[in-house]
Amino acid sequence: MRTLISTAFISLDGVVEAPGGEPGYRNSGWTFKNVDFLPEAFDIKGREQKEATAMLMGRVSYEAFSPVWPAMEDFADYKVMPKYVVSTTLTEDDLVSNWGETTILRSLDEVAALKQTEGGPIIVHGSAALNQSLSDAGLIDRYHLIVFPLLLGTGKRLFSATDKDTQKLQLVEHEVYANGLQKNVFDVVR
């Protein structure tokens, strides 16, 4: 079974919305405007590209990333990697042609089936609503979180507010950086 890894820039109060400057959110670009940049705090991002064998995202994140990421040298490894977009509305005509193989999945059952295939880790970028659904369905195996020392208040959250049983996580990697960022890698305990 393939490992599904959720990776996120997250504020201390759980917000993941518009970290890179996506329009429409009051605090858009919070990852780069409010915290001093330390390259070592982002080393895990390069490691993710090397270790992942596929990328999963929701429609909104696909529509934000697909016009930009294919041309970015920082994301070159993702260009050739198979991509899966979970959407009930996206069509084949909506997919970009310069970002490699992309498959549309219509349900969480299809994500669960993808996890059963041969291959390495699948990385989930962005996709707040998808992350919540994946977590609630018990499909996420690991979290890679870069926690920013910021309180953003309102905004899309990584975790749902669904009333559910406690889900235990095991901290498997942790580092704190001089700018206040924390890297937290958690495995989901089953």
C-alpha atoms as a PDB file:
ATOM      1  CA  MET A   1       0.000   0.000   0.000  1.00  0.00           C
ATOM      2  CA  ARG A   2       1.250   3.477  -0.888  1.00  0.00           C
ATOM      3  CA  THR A   3       1.797   6.104   1.798  1.00  0.00           C
ATOM      4  CA  LEU A   4      -0.328   9.255   1.507  1.00  0.00           C
ATOM      5  CA  ILE A   5       1.535  12.281   2.894  1.00  0.00           C
ATOM      6  CA  SER A   6      -0.147  15.606   3.574  1.00  0.00           C
ATOM      7  CA  THR A   7       2.338  18.472   3.439  1.00  0.00           C
ATOM      8  CA  ALA A   8       1.449  21.983   4.545  1.00  0.00           C
ATOM      9  CA  PHE A   9       2.615  25.367   5.627  1.00  0.00           C
ATOM     10  CA  ILE A  10       0.357  25.971   8.624  1.00  0.00           C
ATOM     11  CA  SER A  11      -0.107  28.805  11.107  1.00  0.00           C
ATOM     12  CA  LEU A  12      -0.067  28.038  14.802  1.00  0.00           C
ATOM     13  CA  ASP A  13      -3.859  28.350  14.813  1.00  0.00           C
ATOM     14  CA  GLY A  14      -4.262  25.869  11.951  1.00  0.00           C
ATOM     15  CA  VAL A  15      -4.726  28.101   8.889  1.00  0.00           C
ATOM     16  CA  VAL A  16      -3.326  26.864   5.569  1.00  0.00           C
ATOM     17  CA  GLU A  17      -5.029  29.321   3.206  1.00  0.00           C
ATOM     18  CA  ALA A  18      -2.985  31.294   0.638  1.00  0.00           C
ATOM     19  CA  PRO A  19       0.510  30.850   2.082  1.00  0.00           C
ATOM     20  CA  GLY A  20       2.195  31.839  -1.174  1.00  0.00           C
ATOM     21  CA  GLY A  21       0.138  34.892  -2.055  1.00  0.00           C
ATOM     22  CA  GLU A  22      -2.954  33.459  -3.728  1.00  0.00           C
ATOM     23  CA  PRO A  23      -5.580  36.203  -4.181  1.00  0.00           C
ATOM     24  CA  GLY A  24      -8.755  36.570  -2.185  1.00  0.00           C
ATOM     25  CA  TYR A  25      -7.497  35.990   1.350  1.00  0.00           C
ATOM     26  CA  ARG A  26      -6.865  38.834   3.778  1.00  0.00           C
ATOM     27  CA  ASN A  27      -3.474  37.513   4.979  1.00  0.00           C
ATOM     28  CA  SER A  28      -2.367  36.136   1.614  1.00  0.00           C
ATOM     29  CA  GLY A  29       1.371  35.495   1.369  1.00  0.00           C
ATOM     30  CA  TRP A  30       1.808  35.111   5.123  1.00  0.00           C
ATOM     31  CA  THR A  31       4.689  32.624   4.802  1.00  0.00           C
ATOM     32  CA  PHE A  32       7.045  35.124   3.225  1.00  0.00           C
ATOM     33  CA  LYS A  33       5.855  38.472   4.564  1.00  0.00           C
ATOM     34  CA  ASN A  34       5.919  37.836   8.276  1.00  0.00           C
ATOM     35  CA  VAL A  35       8.799  35.451   9.037  1.00  0.00           C
ATOM     36  CA  ASP A  36      12.492  35.766   8.217  1.00  0.00           C
ATOM     37  CA  PHE A  37      13.544  33.291   5.528  1.00  0.00           C
ATOM     38  CA  LEU A  38      15.928  30.526   6.584  1.00  0.00           C
ATOM     39  CA  PRO A  39      16.639  28.031   3.774  1.00  0.00           C
ATOM     40  CA  GLU A  40      17.259  25.132   6.155  1.00  0.00           C
ATOM     41  CA  ALA A  41      13.701  25.395   7.459  1.00  0.00           C
ATOM     42  CA  PHE A  42      12.458  24.353   4.025  1.00  0.00           C
ATOM     43  CA  ASP A  43      14.846  21.441   3.367  1.00  0.00           C
ATOM     44  CA  ILE A  44      11.969  19.012   3.768  1.00  0.00           C
ATOM     45  CA  LYS A  45      10.348  20.480   0.640  1.00  0.00           C
ATOM     46  CA  GLY A  46      13.254  19.307  -1.535  1.00  0.00           C
ATOM     47  CA  ARG A  47      13.204  15.933   0.162  1.00  0.00           C
ATOM     48  CA  GLU A  48       9.489  15.582  -0.564  1.00  0.00           C
ATOM     49  CA  GLN A  49      10.079  16.055  -4.282  1.00  0.00           C
ATOM     50  CA  LYS A  50      12.800  13.395  -4.295  1.00  0.00           C
ATOM     51  CA  GLU A  51      10.826  10.843  -2.243  1.00  0.00           C
ATOM     52  CA  ALA A  52       7.308  11.283  -3.646  1.00  0.00           C
ATOM     53  CA  THR A  53       6.277   9.289  -6.706  1.00  0.00           C
ATOM     54  CA  ALA A  54       2.932  11.023  -7.335  1.00  0.00           C
ATOM     55  CA  MET A  55       1.106  14.199  -6.341  1.00  0.00           C
ATOM     56  CA  LEU A  56      -2.526  14.466  -5.254  1.00  0.00           C
ATOM     57  CA  MET A  57      -4.482  17.705  -5.020  1.00  0.00           C
ATOM     58  CA  GLY A  58      -7.961  19.122  -5.127  1.00  0.00           C
ATOM     59  CA  ARG A  59      -9.379  21.150  -7.997  1.00  0.00           C
ATOM     60  CA  VAL A  60      -8.771  24.563  -6.414  1.00  0.00           C
ATOM     61  CA  SER A  61      -5.107  23.806  -5.741  1.00  0.00           C
ATOM     62  CA  TYR A  62      -4.684  22.293  -9.198  1.00  0.00           C
ATOM     63  CA  GLU A  63      -6.107  25.458 -10.756  1.00  0.00           C
ATOM     64  CA  ALA A  64      -3.699  27.568  -8.660  1.00  0.00           C
ATOM     65  CA  PHE A  65      -0.563  25.439  -9.202  1.00  0.00           C
ATOM     66  CA  SER A  66      -0.930  24.256 -12.812  1.00  0.00           C
ATOM     67  CA  PRO A  67      -0.414  27.659 -14.490  1.00  0.00           C
ATOM     68  CA  VAL A  68       2.720  28.359 -12.390  1.00  0.00           C
ATOM     69  CA  TRP A  69       4.523  25.230 -11.152  1.00  0.00           C
ATOM     70  CA  PRO A  70       5.332  23.639 -14.550  1.00  0.00           C
ATOM     71  CA  ALA A  71       7.694  26.520 -15.399  1.00  0.00           C
ATOM     72  CA  MET A  72       9.300  26.803 -11.948  1.00  0.00           C
ATOM     73  CA  GLU A  73      12.744  25.252 -11.564  1.00  0.00           C
ATOM     74  CA  ASP A  74      12.069  24.820  -7.816  1.00  0.00           C
ATOM     75  CA  PHE A  75       9.359  22.293  -8.713  1.00  0.00           C
ATOM     76  CA  ALA A  76      11.089  20.511 -11.620  1.00  0.00           C
ATOM     77  CA  ASP A  77      10.705  17.052 -10.031  1.00  0.00           C
ATOM     78  CA  TYR A  78       6.954  17.518  -9.829  1.00  0.00           C
ATOM     79  CA  LYS A  79       6.703  18.268 -13.543  1.00  0.00           C
ATOM     80  CA  VAL A  80       7.464  14.671 -14.550  1.00  0.00           C
ATOM     81  CA  MET A  81       5.627  13.035 -11.657  1.00  0.00           C
ATOM     82  CA  PRO A  82       2.093  11.638 -12.189  1.00  0.00           C
ATOM     83  CA  LYS A  83      -0.543  13.946 -10.779  1.00  0.00           C
ATOM     84  CA  TYR A  84      -4.030  13.119  -9.524  1.00  0.00           C
ATOM     85  CA  VAL A  85      -6.748  15.735  -9.058  1.00  0.00           C
ATOM     86  CA  VAL A  86      -9.786  14.946  -6.946  1.00  0.00           C
ATOM     87  CA  SER A  87     -12.735  16.798  -8.446  1.00  0.00           C
ATOM     88  CA  THR A  88     -16.338  16.201  -9.400  1.00  0.00           C
ATOM     89  CA  THR A  89     -16.377  19.185 -11.790  1.00  0.00           C
ATOM     90  CA  LEU A  90     -12.979  19.297 -13.554  1.00  0.00           C
ATOM     91  CA  THR A  91     -12.893  17.922 -17.109  1.00  0.00           C
ATOM     92  CA  GLU A  92     -10.046  16.649 -19.270  1.00  0.00           C
ATOM     93  CA  ASP A  93     -10.270  19.927 -21.238  1.00  0.00           C
ATOM     94  CA  ASP A  94      -9.435  21.835 -18.028  1.00  0.00           C
ATOM     95  CA  LEU A  95      -6.058  20.095 -17.625  1.00  0.00           C
ATOM     96  CA  VAL A  96      -2.865  21.837 -18.702  1.00  0.00           C
ATOM     97  CA  SER A  97      -0.715  20.108 -21.307  1.00  0.00           C
ATOM     98  CA  ASN A  98       2.731  21.075 -19.997  1.00  0.00           C
ATOM     99  CA  TRP A  99       2.718  19.404 -16.568  1.00  0.00           C
ATOM    100  CA  GLY A 100       2.939  15.719 -17.320  1.00  0.00           C
ATOM    101  CA  GLU A 101       0.429  12.942 -16.805  1.00  0.00           C
ATOM    102  CA  THR A 102      -2.655  14.071 -14.860  1.00  0.00           C
ATOM    103  CA  THR A 103      -5.594  11.885 -13.890  1.00  0.00           C
ATOM    104  CA  ILE A 104      -8.899  13.120 -12.517  1.00  0.00           C
ATOM    105  CA  LEU A 105     -10.295  11.128  -9.583  1.00  0.00           C
ATOM    106  CA  ARG A 106     -13.995  11.562  -8.832  1.00  0.00           C
ATOM    107  CA  SER A 107     -14.218  10.247  -5.265  1.00  0.00           C
ATOM    108  CA  LEU A 108     -12.400   9.292  -2.084  1.00  0.00           C
ATOM    109  CA  ASP A 109     -13.017   5.664  -3.049  1.00  0.00           C
ATOM    110  CA  GLU A 110     -10.817   6.288  -6.090  1.00  0.00           C
ATOM    111  CA  VAL A 111      -8.144   7.799  -3.808  1.00  0.00           C
ATOM    112  CA  ALA A 112      -8.351   4.705  -1.585  1.00  0.00           C
ATOM    113  CA  ALA A 113      -7.947   2.518  -4.699  1.00  0.00           C
ATOM    114  CA  LEU A 114      -4.919   4.577  -5.798  1.00  0.00           C
ATOM    115  CA  LYS A 115      -3.315   3.942  -2.405  1.00  0.00           C
ATOM    116  CA  GLN A 116      -3.656   0.198  -3.050  1.00  0.00           C
ATOM    117  CA  THR A 117      -1.570   0.366  -6.245  1.00  0.00           C
ATOM    118  CA  GLU A 118       2.148  -0.330  -6.542  1.00  0.00           C
ATOM    119  CA  GLY A 119       4.489   2.618  -6.075  1.00  0.00           C
ATOM    120  CA  GLY A 120       5.989   4.991  -3.589  1.00  0.00           C
ATOM    121  CA  PRO A 121       4.591   7.854  -1.526  1.00  0.00           C
ATOM    122  CA  ILE A 122       1.871  10.166  -2.786  1.00  0.00           C
ATOM    123  CA  ILE A 123       2.226  13.792  -1.659  1.00  0.00           C
ATOM    124  CA  VAL A 124      -0.782  16.082  -1.104  1.00  0.00           C
ATOM    125  CA  HIS A 125      -0.083  19.800  -1.612  1.00  0.00           C
ATOM    126  CA  GLY A 126      -2.484  22.603  -0.685  1.00  0.00           C
ATOM    127  CA  SER A 127      -6.049  21.373  -0.951  1.00  0.00           C
ATOM    128  CA  ALA A 128      -7.539  22.286   2.432  1.00  0.00           C
ATOM    129  CA  ALA A 129     -10.977  20.798   1.738  1.00  0.00           C
ATOM    130  CA  LEU A 130      -9.463  17.632   0.262  1.00  0.00           C
ATOM    131  CA  ASN A 131      -7.129  17.237   3.257  1.00  0.00           C
ATOM    132  CA  GLN A 132     -10.079  17.464   5.615  1.00  0.00           C
ATOM    133  CA  SER A 133     -11.995  14.814   3.665  1.00  0.00           C
ATOM    134  CA  LEU A 134      -8.948  12.538   3.394  1.00  0.00           C
ATOM    135  CA  SER A 135      -8.265  12.839   7.116  1.00  0.00           C
ATOM    136  CA  ASP A 136     -11.886  12.217   8.078  1.00  0.00           C
ATOM    137  CA  ALA A 137     -11.879   9.111   5.830  1.00  0.00           C
ATOM    138  CA  GLY A 138      -8.674   7.799   7.439  1.00  0.00           C
ATOM    139  CA  LEU A 139      -6.691   7.962   4.204  1.00  0.00           C
ATOM    140  CA  ILE A 140      -3.748  10.133   5.345  1.00  0.00           C
ATOM    141  CA  ASP A 141      -0.743   8.207   6.667  1.00  0.00           C
ATOM    142  CA  ARG A 142       1.704  11.009   7.451  1.00  0.00           C
ATOM    143  CA  TYR A 143       1.793  14.780   7.924  1.00  0.00           C
ATOM    144  CA  HIS A 144       4.729  17.044   7.008  1.00  0.00           C
ATOM    145  CA  LEU A 145       3.949  20.335   8.717  1.00  0.00           C
ATOM    146  CA  ILE A 146       5.970  23.530   8.685  1.00  0.00           C
ATOM    147  CA  VAL A 147       4.369  25.461  11.533  1.00  0.00           C
ATOM    148  CA  PHE A 148       4.690  29.240  11.371  1.00  0.00           C
ATOM    149  CA  PRO A 149       4.670  31.300  14.589  1.00  0.00           C
ATOM    150  CA  LEU A 150       1.653  33.275  13.415  1.00  0.00           C
ATOM    151  CA  LEU A 151      -1.977  33.541  14.447  1.00  0.00           C
ATOM    152  CA  LEU A 152      -4.043  34.305  11.349  1.00  0.00           C
ATOM    153  CA  GLY A 153      -7.550  33.991  12.750  1.00  0.00           C
ATOM    154  CA  THR A 154      -9.982  33.196   9.991  1.00  0.00           C
ATOM    155  CA  GLY A 155      -9.019  31.145   6.961  1.00  0.00           C
ATOM    156  CA  LYS A 156      -9.144  27.642   5.547  1.00  0.00           C
ATOM    157  CA  ARG A 157      -7.969  25.058   8.035  1.00  0.00           C
ATOM    158  CA  LEU A 158      -6.008  21.855   7.447  1.00  0.00           C
ATOM    159  CA  PHE A 159      -8.148  19.824   9.848  1.00  0.00           C
ATOM    160  CA  SER A 160     -11.929  19.575   9.824  1.00  0.00           C
ATOM    161  CA  ALA A 161     -14.203  20.430  12.714  1.00  0.00           C
ATOM    162  CA  THR A 162     -16.024  17.100  12.322  1.00  0.00           C
ATOM    163  CA  ASP A 163     -17.078  15.479  15.589  1.00  0.00           C
ATOM    164  CA  LYS A 164     -15.062  12.259  15.510  1.00  0.00           C
ATOM    165  CA  ASP A 165     -13.049   9.911  17.651  1.00  0.00           C
ATOM    166  CA  THR A 166      -9.556  10.942  18.725  1.00  0.00           C
ATOM    167  CA  GLN A 167      -6.875  10.297  16.121  1.00  0.00           C
ATOM    168  CA  LYS A 168      -3.434   9.693  17.605  1.00  0.00           C
ATOM    169  CA  LEU A 169      -0.337  10.929  15.796  1.00  0.00           C
ATOM    170  CA  GLN A 170       3.245   9.865  16.460  1.00  0.00           C
ATOM    171  CA  LEU A 171       5.965  12.502  16.126  1.00  0.00           C
ATOM    172  CA  VAL A 172       8.732  10.949  14.012  1.00  0.00           C
ATOM    173  CA  GLU A 173      10.767  14.046  13.125  1.00  0.00           C
ATOM    174  CA  HIS A 174      10.951  17.505  14.632  1.00  0.00           C
ATOM    175  CA  GLU A 175      13.141  20.564  14.345  1.00  0.00           C
ATOM    176  CA  VAL A 176      12.875  24.164  15.523  1.00  0.00           C
ATOM    177  CA  TYR A 177      14.535  26.997  13.616  1.00  0.00           C
ATOM    178  CA  ALA A 178      15.877  30.371  14.732  1.00  0.00           C
ATOM    179  CA  ASN A 179      13.049  32.212  12.931  1.00  0.00           C
ATOM    180  CA  GLY A 180      10.434  30.367  15.013  1.00  0.00           C
ATOM    181  CA  LEU A 181       9.378  27.861  12.356  1.00  0.00           C
ATOM    182  CA  GLN A 182       8.909  24.267  13.433  1.00  0.00           C
ATOM    183  CA  LYS A 183       9.100  21.166  11.286  1.00  0.00           C
ATOM    184  CA  ASN A 184       6.785  18.469  12.608  1.00  0.00           C
ATOM    185  CA  VAL A 185       6.494  15.100  10.864  1.00  0.00           C
ATOM    186  CA  PHE A 186       3.745  12.883  12.254  1.00  0.00           C
ATOM    187  CA  ASP A 187       2.717   9.365  11.370  1.00  0.00           C
ATOM    188  CA  VAL A 188      -0.940   8.546  11.811  1.00  0.00           C
ATOM    189  CA  VAL A 189      -1.324   5.775  14.377  1.00  0.00           C
ATOM    190  CA  ARG A 190      -3.811   3.126  13.260  1.00  0.00           C
END
